[in-house]
C-alpha atoms as a PDB file:
ATOM      1  CA  MET A   1     -32.744  39.161  22.536  1.00  0.00           C
ATOM      2  CA  LYS A   2     -30.198  40.012  19.941  1.00  0.00           C
ATOM      3  CA  LYS A   3     -27.266  39.287  22.693  1.00  0.00           C
ATOM      4  CA  LEU A   4     -28.884  35.646  23.421  1.00  0.00           C
ATOM      5  CA  THR A   5     -29.529  35.059  19.319  1.00  0.00           C
ATOM      6  CA  LEU A   6     -25.518  36.214  19.084  1.00  0.00           C
ATOM      7  CA  LEU A   7     -24.648  34.344  21.280  1.00  0.00           C
ATOM      8  CA  GLY A   8     -25.997  31.695  20.770  1.00  0.00           C
ATOM      9  CA  LEU A   9     -24.901  31.660  16.822  1.00  0.00           C
ATOM     10  CA  ILE A  10     -21.284  32.065  18.322  1.00  0.00           C
ATOM     11  CA  LEU A  11     -21.368  28.440  20.635  1.00  0.00           C
ATOM     12  CA  LEU A  12     -22.782  27.161  18.046  1.00  0.00           C
ATOM     13  CA  THR A  13     -19.887  27.833  15.538  1.00  0.00           C
ATOM     14  CA  LEU A  14     -17.587  27.065  18.132  1.00  0.00           C
ATOM     15  CA  ASN A  15     -19.030  23.266  18.591  1.00  0.00           C
ATOM     16  CA  THR A  16     -19.568  22.710  14.656  1.00  0.00           C
ATOM     17  CA  GLN A  17     -15.871  23.424  14.148  1.00  0.00           C
ATOM     18  CA  ALA A  18     -14.958  21.498  17.512  1.00  0.00           C
ATOM     19  CA  ALA A  19     -16.969  19.078  15.712  1.00  0.00           C
ATOM     20  CA  SER A  20     -14.788  19.224  12.686  1.00  0.00           C
ATOM     21  CA  LYS A  21     -11.977  19.152  14.327  1.00  0.00           C
ATOM     22  CA  SER A  22     -12.815  16.337  16.363  1.00  0.00           C
ATOM     23  CA  ALA A  23     -14.118  14.248  13.332  1.00  0.00           C
ATOM     24  CA  VAL A  24     -10.848  14.961  11.189  1.00  0.00           C
ATOM     25  CA  GLU A  25      -8.879  13.536  14.485  1.00  0.00           C
ATOM     26  CA  LYS A  26     -11.450  10.452  14.873  1.00  0.00           C
ATOM     27  CA  ASN A  27     -10.409   9.768  11.074  1.00  0.00           C
ATOM     28  CA  GLY A  28      -7.478  10.660  11.397  1.00  0.00           C
ATOM     29  CA  ILE A  29      -6.009  10.558   7.963  1.00  0.00           C
ATOM     30  CA  LEU A  30      -5.984  12.898   5.117  1.00  0.00           C
ATOM     31  CA  ARG A  31      -4.981  12.610   1.580  1.00  0.00           C
ATOM     32  CA  GLU A  32      -2.642  14.934   1.917  1.00  0.00           C
ATOM     33  CA  GLN A  33      -0.540  12.926   4.550  1.00  0.00           C
ATOM     34  CA  ILE A  34      -0.272  10.175   1.545  1.00  0.00           C
ATOM     35  CA  ILE A  35       1.089  11.868  -1.017  1.00  0.00           C
ATOM     36  CA  GLY A  36       4.769  10.800  -1.813  1.00  0.00           C
ATOM     37  CA  GLU A  37       7.148   8.321  -2.332  1.00  0.00           C
ATOM     38  CA  TRP A  38       7.026   4.978   0.277  1.00  0.00           C
ATOM     39  CA  THR A  39       9.409   2.170   0.398  1.00  0.00           C
ATOM     40  CA  CYS A  40       7.073  -0.661   2.094  1.00  0.00           C
ATOM     41  CA  GLN A  41       7.209  -3.984   3.756  1.00  0.00           C
ATOM     42  CA  ILE A  42       4.750  -6.588   4.600  1.00  0.00           C
ATOM     43  CA  LYS A  43       5.773 -10.010   6.092  1.00  0.00           C
ATOM     44  CA  TYR A  44       3.178 -12.985   5.266  1.00  0.00           C
ATOM     45  CA  PRO A  45       3.856 -15.866   7.669  1.00  0.00           C
ATOM     46  CA  ASP A  46       2.015 -18.138   6.277  1.00  0.00           C
ATOM     47  CA  MET A  47       2.923 -17.868   3.184  1.00  0.00           C
ATOM     48  CA  ASN A  48       6.389 -17.548   3.582  1.00  0.00           C
ATOM     49  CA  LEU A  49       6.335 -14.384   1.715  1.00  0.00           C
ATOM     50  CA  GLU A  50       8.219 -11.474   2.184  1.00  0.00           C
ATOM     51  CA  THR A  51       7.252  -7.737  -0.124  1.00  0.00           C
ATOM     52  CA  LEU A  52       9.117  -4.380  -0.466  1.00  0.00           C
ATOM     53  CA  ASP A  53       7.671  -1.517  -2.636  1.00  0.00           C
ATOM     54  CA  ILE A  54       8.941   1.903  -3.614  1.00  0.00           C
ATOM     55  CA  ILE A  55       5.545   3.026  -4.698  1.00  0.00           C
ATOM     56  CA  GLU A  56       5.308   7.002  -5.504  1.00  0.00           C
ATOM     57  CA  PHE A  57       1.508   7.976  -4.487  1.00  0.00           C
ATOM     58  CA  GLN A  58       0.528  11.227  -6.815  1.00  0.00           C
ATOM     59  CA  ALA A  59      -1.309  14.029  -6.132  1.00  0.00           C
ATOM     60  CA  ASP A  60      -3.539  13.501  -8.933  1.00  0.00           C
ATOM     61  CA  GLY A  61      -4.528  10.036  -7.642  1.00  0.00           C
ATOM     62  CA  THR A  62      -2.333   8.225 -10.123  1.00  0.00           C
ATOM     63  CA  SER A  63       0.644   6.013  -8.725  1.00  0.00           C
ATOM     64  CA  VAL A  64       3.461   4.420 -10.132  1.00  0.00           C
ATOM     65  CA  GLY A  65       5.106   1.568  -8.049  1.00  0.00           C
ATOM     66  CA  ILE A  66       7.983  -1.137  -8.103  1.00  0.00           C
ATOM     67  CA  GLY A  67       7.826  -4.377  -5.888  1.00  0.00           C
ATOM     68  CA  TYR A  68       9.652  -7.420  -4.590  1.00  0.00           C
ATOM     69  CA  PHE A  69       8.107 -10.524  -2.992  1.00  0.00           C
ATOM     70  CA  PHE A  70      10.636 -13.179  -1.874  1.00  0.00           C
ATOM     71  CA  PHE A  71       9.772 -16.533  -0.984  1.00  0.00           C
ATOM     72  CA  PRO A  72      11.994 -18.846   1.113  1.00  0.00           C
ATOM     73  CA  GLN A  73      13.121 -20.916  -1.962  1.00  0.00           C
ATOM     74  CA  GLY A  74      14.837 -18.690  -3.563  1.00  0.00           C
ATOM     75  CA  ILE A  75      11.875 -17.438  -5.742  1.00  0.00           C
ATOM     76  CA  ALA A  76      12.302 -13.658  -6.356  1.00  0.00           C
ATOM     77  CA  TYR A  77       9.791 -11.378  -8.507  1.00  0.00           C
ATOM     78  CA  GLU A  78      10.333  -7.770  -9.679  1.00  0.00           C
ATOM     79  CA  THR A  79       6.520  -5.950 -10.163  1.00  0.00           C
ATOM     80  CA  LYS A  80       6.720  -3.195 -12.134  1.00  0.00           C
ATOM     81  CA  HIS A  81       3.122  -0.651 -12.234  1.00  0.00           C
ATOM     82  CA  THR A  82       1.450   2.393 -13.104  1.00  0.00           C
ATOM     83  CA  GLY A  83      -2.403   2.731 -11.010  1.00  0.00           C
ATOM     84  CA  LYS A  84      -5.210   4.646  -9.555  1.00  0.00           C
ATOM     85  CA  TRP A  85      -5.672   5.361  -5.780  1.00  0.00           C
ATOM     86  CA  GLU A  86      -7.965   6.634  -3.372  1.00  0.00           C
ATOM     87  CA  LEU A  87      -8.250   7.809   0.369  1.00  0.00           C
ATOM     88  CA  LYS A  88     -11.578   7.072   1.579  1.00  0.00           C
ATOM     89  CA  ASN A  89     -11.902   6.702   6.105  1.00  0.00           C
ATOM     90  CA  ASN A  90      -8.704   5.620   6.390  1.00  0.00           C
ATOM     91  CA  MET A  91      -9.141   2.613   4.218  1.00  0.00           C
ATOM     92  CA  LEU A  92      -5.638   3.423   1.390  1.00  0.00           C
ATOM     93  CA  SER A  93      -6.629   1.466  -2.204  1.00  0.00           C
ATOM     94  CA  GLU A  94      -4.983   1.439  -5.389  1.00  0.00           C
ATOM     95  CA  ILE A  95      -5.670  -0.425  -9.116  1.00  0.00           C
ATOM     96  CA  GLY A  96      -3.040  -1.263 -10.449  1.00  0.00           C
ATOM     97  CA  GLN A  97      -2.896  -1.127 -14.157  1.00  0.00           C
ATOM     98  CA  ASP A  98      -0.544  -3.221 -16.887  1.00  0.00           C
ATOM     99  CA  TYR A  99       1.302  -4.888 -14.385  1.00  0.00           C
ATOM    100  CA  VAL A 100       5.053  -6.152 -14.950  1.00  0.00           C
ATOM    101  CA  THR A 101       6.166  -9.086 -13.296  1.00  0.00           C
ATOM    102  CA  ILE A 102       9.947 -10.119 -14.549  1.00  0.00           C
ATOM    103  CA  LYS A 103      12.039 -13.272 -12.926  1.00  0.00           C
ATOM    104  CA  VAL A 104      14.501 -12.215 -10.052  1.00  0.00           C
ATOM    105  CA  HIS A 105      16.137 -15.870  -9.601  1.00  0.00           C
ATOM    106  CA  ALA A 106      18.917 -15.873  -7.017  1.00  0.00           C
ATOM    107  CA  ASP A 107      22.135 -18.066  -9.293  1.00  0.00           C
ATOM    108  CA  ASP A 108      21.084 -21.494  -7.435  1.00  0.00           C
ATOM    109  CA  THR A 109      17.180 -20.781  -7.556  1.00  0.00           C
ATOM    110  CA  MET A 110      18.190 -20.569 -11.156  1.00  0.00           C
ATOM    111  CA  LYS A 111      20.730 -23.437 -12.007  1.00  0.00           C
ATOM    112  CA  ARG A 112      17.837 -25.503  -9.226  1.00  0.00           C
ATOM    113  CA  ILE A 113      14.895 -24.360 -12.292  1.00  0.00           C
ATOM    114  CA  ASN A 114      17.293 -25.548 -14.756  1.00  0.00           C
ATOM    115  CA  GLU A 115      17.917 -29.492 -13.254  1.00  0.00           C
ATOM    116  CA  ASP A 116      14.500 -29.662 -11.640  1.00  0.00           C
ATOM    117  CA  LEU A 117      11.723 -30.341 -13.547  1.00  0.00           C
ATOM    118  CA  SER A 118       9.339 -30.422 -10.879  1.00  0.00           C
ATOM    119  CA  PHE A 119      10.479 -27.289  -9.345  1.00  0.00           C
ATOM    120  CA  ARG A 120      10.381 -25.784 -12.882  1.00  0.00           C
ATOM    121  CA  ALA A 121       6.731 -26.348 -13.333  1.00  0.00           C
ATOM    122  CA  PHE A 122       6.366 -25.055  -9.691  1.00  0.00           C
ATOM    123  CA  GLU A 123       7.900 -21.526 -10.284  1.00  0.00           C
ATOM    124  CA  GLU A 124       5.839 -21.507 -13.462  1.00  0.00           C
ATOM    125  CA  ALA A 125       2.750 -22.085 -12.579  1.00  0.00           C
ATOM    126  CA  PHE A 126       3.113 -19.771  -9.665  1.00  0.00           C
ATOM    127  CA  TYR A 127       4.778 -17.005 -12.096  1.00  0.00           C
ATOM    128  CA  GLN A 128       2.095 -17.584 -14.260  1.00  0.00           C
ATOM    129  CA  GLU A 129      -0.928 -17.107 -11.278  1.00  0.00           C
ATOM    130  CA  LEU A 130       1.337 -14.406  -9.818  1.00  0.00           C
ATOM    131  CA  SER A 131       1.151 -11.838 -13.079  1.00  0.00           C
ATOM    132  CA  LYS A 132      -2.713 -13.233 -13.324  1.00  0.00           C
ATOM    133  CA  GLU A 133      -3.430 -12.313 -10.498  1.00  0.00           C
ATOM    134  CA  ASN A 134      -0.975  -8.747 -10.372  1.00  0.00           C
ATOM    135  CA  ASN A 135      -3.199  -8.213 -14.076  1.00  0.00           C
ATOM    136  CA  SER A 136      -6.781  -8.707 -12.356  1.00  0.00           C
ATOM    137  CA  GLY A 137      -7.582  -5.078 -11.749  1.00  0.00           C
ATOM    138  CA  THR A 138      -8.805  -5.637  -7.960  1.00  0.00           C
ATOM    139  CA  ALA A 139      -7.669  -3.038  -5.929  1.00  0.00           C
ATOM    140  CA  ILE A 140      -5.267  -3.818  -2.786  1.00  0.00           C
ATOM    141  CA  GLU A 141      -6.880  -2.258   0.166  1.00  0.00           C
ATOM    142  CA  LEU A 142      -4.837  -1.327   2.818  1.00  0.00           C
ATOM    143  CA  GLU A 143      -6.732   0.545   6.381  1.00  0.00           C
ATOM    144  CA  VAL A 144      -4.260   2.504   7.152  1.00  0.00           C
ATOM    145  CA  GLN A 145      -3.285   3.086  11.063  1.00  0.00           C
ATOM    146  CA  GLN A 146      -1.064   5.644  11.658  1.00  0.00           C
ATOM    147  CA  VAL A 147       0.918   8.022   9.151  1.00  0.00           C
ATOM    148  CA  SER A 148       3.598  10.676   9.932  1.00  0.00           C
ATOM    149  CA  ASP A 149       5.767  13.447   7.730  1.00  0.00           C
ATOM    150  CA  LYS A 150       7.804  10.189   7.982  1.00  0.00           C
ATOM    151  CA  THR A 151       6.258   7.214   8.274  1.00  0.00           C
ATOM    152  CA  MET A 152       3.030   5.224   7.834  1.00  0.00           C
ATOM    153  CA  ARG A 153       1.469   1.517   9.561  1.00  0.00           C
ATOM    154  CA  PHE A 154      -1.165  -0.003   8.165  1.00  0.00           C
ATOM    155  CA  GLU A 155      -2.417  -3.554   8.073  1.00  0.00           C
ATOM    156  CA  GLN A 156      -3.551  -5.504   4.537  1.00  0.00           C
ATOM    157  CA  ILE A 157      -6.435  -7.055   4.732  1.00  0.00           C
ATOM    158  CA  LEU A 158      -6.319 -10.470   2.634  1.00  0.00           C
ATOM    159  CA  GLY A 159      -9.624 -13.153   3.191  1.00  0.00           C
ATOM    160  CA  ASN A 160      -9.692 -13.385   7.507  1.00  0.00           C
ATOM    161  CA  ASN A 161      -6.059 -12.695   7.859  1.00  0.00           C
ATOM    162  CA  ARG A 162      -4.494  -9.048   8.502  1.00  0.00           C
ATOM    163  CA  TYR A 163      -0.852  -7.996   7.536  1.00  0.00           C
ATOM    164  CA  VAL A 164       0.996  -5.407   9.248  1.00  0.00           C
ATOM    165  CA  GLY A 165       3.074  -3.258   6.677  1.00  0.00           C
ATOM    166  CA  ASN A 166       5.432  -0.560   7.679  1.00  0.00           C
ATOM    167  CA  CYS A 167       6.181   2.747   5.461  1.00  0.00           C
ATOM    168  CA  LYS A 168       8.953   4.953   5.435  1.00  0.00           C
ATOM    169  CA  LYS A 169       8.588   8.319   3.482  1.00  0.00           C
ATOM    170  CA  SER A 170      11.829   8.942   0.401  1.00  0.00           C
ATOM    171  CA  GLU A 171      13.995  12.315   1.558  1.00  0.00           C
ATOM    172  CA  ALA A 172      12.720  14.975  -1.028  1.00  0.00           C
ATOM    173  CA  PRO A 173      15.719  15.718  -2.917  1.00  0.00           C
ATOM    174  CA  ASN A 174      17.504  19.021  -1.874  1.00  0.00           C
ATOM    175  CA  SER A 175      17.205  21.665  -4.692  1.00  0.00           C
END
């Protein structure tokens, strides 16, 4: 009887460990895999927008980032922020705080802004909206699809659209 009970406990333990490992593999992404500095790109074809972000997800749940928004009309913005992040069920959420948005337009775009009043009004309205949206306190939600030591792929879901993002992890400096 004792052997049967012991055998049952061993099988239960092995089954629980296998189920636990399976759950980790199924859920996939671990918080420790996200920690570090990443350079990420996303294309939003329906908005004629490309973004480039350099963001560091720190072990204490804070983040620091610098990002760039590029539009085909030569309009470009740089953003800087700090924030807080978390990972739950492969969803990486970041709430940026204290965003600063800076105009970094090309010279020919600046010339057009200075000469064309309607383009200037368009750019200024867009800049104000971007600045307001960045400081809205709304979380950026990224569904992490895959992560390795050097790369991460995710989808950002905005309304009914999904946008694929790809990241490369920065190399740690040699000590």
